[in-house]
């Protein structure tokens, strides 16, 4: 772990279902692109339900 990583690890990340992603989520890269377009910091596929979850820092 780098010295700068401690702040990132401590920051909580909230997840929200993507409103723009359609279909079964199998690509974290595509999910992240859709989420960034929606104004989030990124996103990834939820493994169990195969939906795209967008991520941003919790308030």
PDB file of N, CA and C in Angstrom:
ATOM      1  N   UNK A   1       0.852  -1.183   0.000  1.00  0.00           N
ATOM      2  CA  UNK A   1       0.000   0.000   0.000  1.00  0.00           C
ATOM      3  C   UNK A   1       0.890   1.236   0.000  1.00  0.00           C
ATOM      4  N   UNK A   2       0.566   2.187  -0.823  1.00  0.00           N
ATOM      5  CA  UNK A   2       1.313   3.438  -0.888  1.00  0.00           C
ATOM      6  C   UNK A   2       0.779   4.403   0.149  1.00  0.00           C
ATOM      7  N   UNK A   3       1.556   5.427   0.448  1.00  0.00           N
ATOM      8  CA  UNK A   3       1.148   6.417   1.453  1.00  0.00           C
ATOM      9  C   UNK A   3      -0.155   7.100   1.059  1.00  0.00           C
ATOM     10  N   UNK A   4      -0.362   7.351  -0.228  1.00  0.00           N
ATOM     11  CA  UNK A   4      -1.573   8.035  -0.685  1.00  0.00           C
ATOM     12  C   UNK A   4      -2.806   7.143  -0.717  1.00  0.00           C
ATOM     13  N   UNK A   5      -2.609   5.832  -0.643  1.00  0.00           N
ATOM     14  CA  UNK A   5      -3.728   4.903  -0.724  1.00  0.00           C
ATOM     15  C   UNK A   5      -4.546   4.823   0.563  1.00  0.00           C
ATOM     16  N   UNK A   6      -3.986   5.236   1.674  1.00  0.00           N
ATOM     17  CA  UNK A   6      -4.692   5.126   2.953  1.00  0.00           C
ATOM     18  C   UNK A   6      -5.983   5.928   2.944  1.00  0.00           C
ATOM     19  N   UNK A   7      -5.978   7.118   2.346  1.00  0.00           N
ATOM     20  CA  UNK A   7      -7.179   7.945   2.279  1.00  0.00           C
ATOM     21  C   UNK A   7      -8.246   7.321   1.402  1.00  0.00           C
ATOM     22  N   UNK A   8      -7.833   6.693   0.312  1.00  0.00           N
ATOM     23  CA  UNK A   8      -8.794   6.055  -0.584  1.00  0.00           C
ATOM     24  C   UNK A   8      -9.422   4.840   0.082  1.00  0.00           C
ATOM     25  N   UNK A   9      -8.625   4.085   0.794  1.00  0.00           N
ATOM     26  CA  UNK A   9      -9.139   2.890   1.459  1.00  0.00           C
ATOM     27  C   UNK A   9     -10.124   3.265   2.558  1.00  0.00           C
ATOM     28  N   UNK A  10      -9.913   4.411   3.201  1.00  0.00           N
ATOM     29  CA  UNK A  10     -10.777   4.836   4.294  1.00  0.00           C
ATOM     30  C   UNK A  10     -12.086   5.442   3.786  1.00  0.00           C
ATOM     31  N   UNK A  11     -12.089   5.953   2.558  1.00  0.00           N
ATOM     32  CA  UNK A  11     -13.289   6.581   2.005  1.00  0.00           C
ATOM     33  C   UNK A  11     -14.340   5.505   1.701  1.00  0.00           C
ATOM     34  N   UNK A  12     -15.558   5.731   2.162  1.00  0.00           N
ATOM     35  CA  UNK A  12     -16.643   4.784   1.883  1.00  0.00           C
ATOM     36  C   UNK A  12     -17.180   5.034   0.481  1.00  0.00           C
ATOM     37  N   UNK A  13     -17.528   3.957  -0.190  1.00  0.00           N
ATOM     38  CA  UNK A  13     -18.067   4.043  -1.544  1.00  0.00           C
ATOM     39  C   UNK A  13     -19.512   3.574  -1.510  1.00  0.00           C
ATOM     40  N   UNK A  14     -20.403   4.401  -2.026  1.00  0.00           N
ATOM     41  CA  UNK A  14     -21.820   4.038  -2.126  1.00  0.00           C
ATOM     42  C   UNK A  14     -22.104   3.553  -3.543  1.00  0.00           C
ATOM     43  N   UNK A  15     -23.016   2.602  -3.668  1.00  0.00           N
ATOM     44  CA  UNK A  15     -23.377   2.050  -4.964  1.00  0.00           C
ATOM     45  C   UNK A  15     -24.850   2.279  -5.250  1.00  0.00           C
ATOM     46  N   UNK A  16     -25.131   2.559  -6.521  1.00  0.00           N
ATOM     47  CA  UNK A  16     -26.489   2.828  -6.978  1.00  0.00           C
ATOM     48  C   UNK A  16     -26.710   2.100  -8.299  1.00  0.00           C
ATOM     49  N   UNK A  17     -27.868   1.489  -8.499  1.00  0.00           N
ATOM     50  CA  UNK A  17     -28.143   0.841  -9.790  1.00  0.00           C
ATOM     51  C   UNK A  17     -28.116   1.870 -10.925  1.00  0.00           C
ATOM     52  N   UNK A  18     -27.494   1.502 -12.024  1.00  0.00           N
ATOM     53  CA  UNK A  18     -27.444   2.374 -13.197  1.00  0.00           C
ATOM     54  C   UNK A  18     -28.833   2.504 -13.801  1.00  0.00           C
ATOM     55  N   UNK A  19     -29.172   3.723 -14.176  1.00  0.00           N
ATOM     56  CA  UNK A  19     -30.469   3.939 -14.843  1.00  0.00           C
ATOM     57  C   UNK A  19     -30.333   3.822 -16.360  1.00  0.00           C
ATOM     58  N   UNK A  20     -29.112   3.881 -16.870  1.00  0.00           N
ATOM     59  CA  UNK A  20     -28.905   3.859 -18.310  1.00  0.00           C
ATOM     60  C   UNK A  20     -28.413   2.541 -18.868  1.00  0.00           C
ATOM     61  N   UNK A  21     -27.926   1.648 -18.014  1.00  0.00           N
ATOM     62  CA  UNK A  21     -27.405   0.369 -18.487  1.00  0.00           C
ATOM     63  C   UNK A  21     -28.562  -0.569 -18.784  1.00  0.00           C
ATOM     64  N   UNK A  22     -28.531  -1.180 -19.953  1.00  0.00           N
ATOM     65  CA  UNK A  22     -29.596  -2.103 -20.354  1.00  0.00           C
ATOM     66  C   UNK A  22     -29.035  -3.510 -20.526  1.00  0.00           C
ATOM     67  N   UNK A  23     -29.761  -4.496 -20.078  1.00  0.00           N
ATOM     68  CA  UNK A  23     -29.372  -5.884 -20.270  1.00  0.00           C
ATOM     69  C   UNK A  23     -28.579  -6.448 -19.116  1.00  0.00           C
ATOM     70  N   UNK A  24     -27.988  -7.628 -19.352  1.00  0.00           N
ATOM     71  CA  UNK A  24     -27.202  -8.321 -18.347  1.00  0.00           C
ATOM     72  C   UNK A  24     -25.798  -7.729 -18.328  1.00  0.00           C
ATOM     73  N   UNK A  25     -25.297  -7.433 -17.161  1.00  0.00           N
ATOM     74  CA  UNK A  25     -23.981  -6.817 -17.013  1.00  0.00           C
ATOM     75  C   UNK A  25     -22.909  -7.903 -16.963  1.00  0.00           C
ATOM     76  N   UNK A  26     -22.039  -7.925 -17.962  1.00  0.00           N
ATOM     77  CA  UNK A  26     -20.937  -8.883 -17.988  1.00  0.00           C
ATOM     78  C   UNK A  26     -19.581  -8.195 -18.135  1.00  0.00           C
ATOM     79  N   UNK A  27     -19.581  -6.879 -18.389  1.00  0.00           N
ATOM     80  CA  UNK A  27     -18.334  -6.145 -18.589  1.00  0.00           C
ATOM     81  C   UNK A  27     -18.249  -4.975 -17.603  1.00  0.00           C
ATOM     82  N   UNK A  28     -17.301  -5.058 -16.668  1.00  0.00           N
ATOM     83  CA  UNK A  28     -17.096  -3.951 -15.733  1.00  0.00           C
ATOM     84  C   UNK A  28     -16.714  -2.667 -16.469  1.00  0.00           C
ATOM     85  N   UNK A  29     -15.972  -2.802 -17.561  1.00  0.00           N
ATOM     86  CA  UNK A  29     -15.524  -1.631 -18.322  1.00  0.00           C
ATOM     87  C   UNK A  29     -16.704  -0.878 -18.925  1.00  0.00           C
ATOM     88  N   UNK A  30     -17.614  -1.595 -19.548  1.00  0.00           N
ATOM     89  CA  UNK A  30     -18.785  -0.952 -20.158  1.00  0.00           C
ATOM     90  C   UNK A  30     -19.675  -0.362 -19.082  1.00  0.00           C
ATOM     91  N   UNK A  31     -19.869  -1.088 -18.001  1.00  0.00           N
ATOM     92  CA  UNK A  31     -20.664  -0.597 -16.879  1.00  0.00           C
ATOM     93  C   UNK A  31     -20.070   0.707 -16.348  1.00  0.00           C
ATOM     94  N   UNK A  32     -18.760   0.740 -16.157  1.00  0.00           N
ATOM     95  CA  UNK A  32     -18.096   1.937 -15.649  1.00  0.00           C
ATOM     96  C   UNK A  32     -18.276   3.112 -16.602  1.00  0.00           C
ATOM     97  N   UNK A  33     -18.198   2.863 -17.905  1.00  0.00           N
ATOM     98  CA  UNK A  33     -18.373   3.928 -18.895  1.00  0.00           C
ATOM     99  C   UNK A  33     -19.780   4.515 -18.831  1.00  0.00           C
ATOM    100  N   UNK A  34     -20.772   3.651 -18.713  1.00  0.00           N
ATOM    101  CA  UNK A  34     -22.159   4.106 -18.605  1.00  0.00           C
ATOM    102  C   UNK A  34     -22.334   4.939 -17.336  1.00  0.00           C
ATOM    103  N   UNK A  35     -21.773   4.459 -16.235  1.00  0.00           N
ATOM    104  CA  UNK A  35     -21.894   5.168 -14.964  1.00  0.00           C
ATOM    105  C   UNK A  35     -21.211   6.537 -15.010  1.00  0.00           C
ATOM    106  N   UNK A  36     -20.041   6.602 -15.627  1.00  0.00           N
ATOM    107  CA  UNK A  36     -19.346   7.888 -15.758  1.00  0.00           C
ATOM    108  C   UNK A  36     -20.197   8.848 -16.575  1.00  0.00           C
ATOM    109  N   UNK A  37     -20.823   8.346 -17.629  1.00  0.00           N
ATOM    110  CA  UNK A  37     -21.721   9.179 -18.452  1.00  0.00           C
ATOM    111  C   UNK A  37     -22.915   9.678 -17.628  1.00  0.00           C
ATOM    112  N   UNK A  38     -23.339   8.902 -16.629  1.00  0.00           N
ATOM    113  CA  UNK A  38     -24.449   9.291 -15.756  1.00  0.00           C
ATOM    114  C   UNK A  38     -24.002  10.242 -14.639  1.00  0.00           C
ATOM    115  N   UNK A  39     -22.688  10.504 -14.552  1.00  0.00           N
ATOM    116  CA  UNK A  39     -22.202  11.444 -13.555  1.00  0.00           C
ATOM    117  C   UNK A  39     -21.586  10.810 -12.310  1.00  0.00           C
ATOM    118  N   UNK A  40     -21.423   9.493 -12.322  1.00  0.00           N
ATOM    119  CA  UNK A  40     -20.793   8.797 -11.202  1.00  0.00           C
ATOM    120  C   UNK A  40     -19.290   8.689 -11.445  1.00  0.00           C
ATOM    121  N   UNK A  41     -18.575   8.227 -10.445  1.00  0.00           N
ATOM    122  CA  UNK A  41     -17.128   8.084 -10.565  1.00  0.00           C
ATOM    123  C   UNK A  41     -16.703   6.807 -11.267  1.00  0.00           C
ATOM    124  N   UNK A  42     -17.606   5.871 -11.422  1.00  0.00           N
ATOM    125  CA  UNK A  42     -17.309   4.595 -12.063  1.00  0.00           C
ATOM    126  C   UNK A  42     -18.401   3.598 -11.742  1.00  0.00           C
ATOM    127  N   UNK A  43     -18.132   2.339 -12.026  1.00  0.00           N
ATOM    128  CA  UNK A  43     -19.122   1.309 -11.745  1.00  0.00           C
ATOM    129  C   UNK A  43     -18.567  -0.060 -12.019  1.00  0.00           C
ATOM    130  N   UNK A  44     -19.313  -1.065 -11.602  1.00  0.00           N
ATOM    131  CA  UNK A  44     -18.930  -2.452 -11.862  1.00  0.00           C
ATOM    132  C   UNK A  44     -20.164  -3.335 -11.832  1.00  0.00           C
ATOM    133  N   UNK A  45     -20.025  -4.500 -12.439  1.00  0.00           N
ATOM    134  CA  UNK A  45     -21.132  -5.450 -12.477  1.00  0.00           C
ATOM    135  C   UNK A  45     -21.291  -6.108 -11.114  1.00  0.00           C
ATOM    136  N   UNK A  46     -22.529  -6.211 -10.688  1.00  0.00           N
ATOM    137  CA  UNK A  46     -22.843  -6.972  -9.487  1.00  0.00           C
ATOM    138  C   UNK A  46     -22.841  -8.441  -9.907  1.00  0.00           C
ATOM    139  N   UNK A  47     -22.055  -9.244  -9.233  1.00  0.00           N
ATOM    140  CA  UNK A  47     -21.849 -10.632  -9.668  1.00  0.00           C
ATOM    141  C   UNK A  47     -23.106 -11.491  -9.590  1.00  0.00           C
ATOM    142  N   UNK A  48     -23.852 -11.400  -8.507  1.00  0.00           N
ATOM    143  CA  UNK A  48     -24.990 -12.294  -8.307  1.00  0.00           C
ATOM    144  C   UNK A  48     -26.162 -11.965  -9.234  1.00  0.00           C
ATOM    145  N   UNK A  49     -26.572 -10.708  -9.256  1.00  0.00           N
ATOM    146  CA  UNK A  49     -27.768 -10.324 -10.024  1.00  0.00           C
ATOM    147  C   UNK A  49     -27.440  -9.829 -11.430  1.00  0.00           C
ATOM    148  N   UNK A  50     -26.152  -9.702 -11.748  1.00  0.00           N
ATOM    149  CA  UNK A  50     -25.705  -9.282 -13.084  1.00  0.00           C
ATOM    150  C   UNK A  50     -26.295  -7.940 -13.510  1.00  0.00           C
ATOM    151  N   UNK A  51     -26.286  -6.980 -12.565  1.00  0.00           N
ATOM    152  CA  UNK A  51     -26.727  -5.642 -12.925  1.00  0.00           C
ATOM    153  C   UNK A  51     -25.555  -4.685 -12.749  1.00  0.00           C
ATOM    154  N   UNK A  52     -25.641  -3.550 -13.386  1.00  0.00           N
ATOM    155  CA  UNK A  52     -24.583  -2.546 -13.330  1.00  0.00           C
ATOM    156  C   UNK A  52     -24.815  -1.629 -12.131  1.00  0.00           C
ATOM    157  N   UNK A  53     -23.829  -1.559 -11.243  1.00  0.00           N
ATOM    158  CA  UNK A  53     -23.913  -0.689 -10.081  1.00  0.00           C
ATOM    159  C   UNK A  53     -22.898   0.440 -10.220  1.00  0.00           C
ATOM    160  N   UNK A  54     -23.400   1.663 -10.156  1.00  0.00           N
ATOM    161  CA  UNK A  54     -22.534   2.840 -10.242  1.00  0.00           C
ATOM    162  C   UNK A  54     -22.012   3.184  -8.858  1.00  0.00           C
ATOM    163  N   UNK A  55     -20.835   3.812  -8.835  1.00  0.00           N
ATOM    164  CA  UNK A  55     -20.182   4.096  -7.553  1.00  0.00           C
ATOM    165  C   UNK A  55     -19.794   5.563  -7.439  1.00  0.00           C
ATOM    166  N   UNK A  56     -19.886   6.063  -6.217  1.00  0.00           N
ATOM    167  CA  UNK A  56     -19.360   7.376  -5.882  1.00  0.00           C
ATOM    168  C   UNK A  56     -19.092   7.417  -4.377  1.00  0.00           C
ATOM    169  N   UNK A  57     -18.316   8.393  -3.959  1.00  0.00           N
ATOM    170  CA  UNK A  57     -18.035   8.535  -2.539  1.00  0.00           C
ATOM    171  C   UNK A  57     -19.322   8.816  -1.788  1.00  0.00           C
ATOM    172  N   UNK A  58     -19.472   8.176  -0.646  1.00  0.00           N
ATOM    173  CA  UNK A  58     -20.651   8.427   0.196  1.00  0.00           C
ATOM    174  C   UNK A  58     -20.579   9.838   0.774  1.00  0.00           C
ATOM    175  N   UNK A  59     -21.743  10.479   0.951  1.00  0.00           N
ATOM    176  CA  UNK A  59     -21.750  11.830   1.524  1.00  0.00           C
ATOM    177  C   UNK A  59     -21.317  11.838   2.973  1.00  0.00           C
TER     178      UNK A  59
END
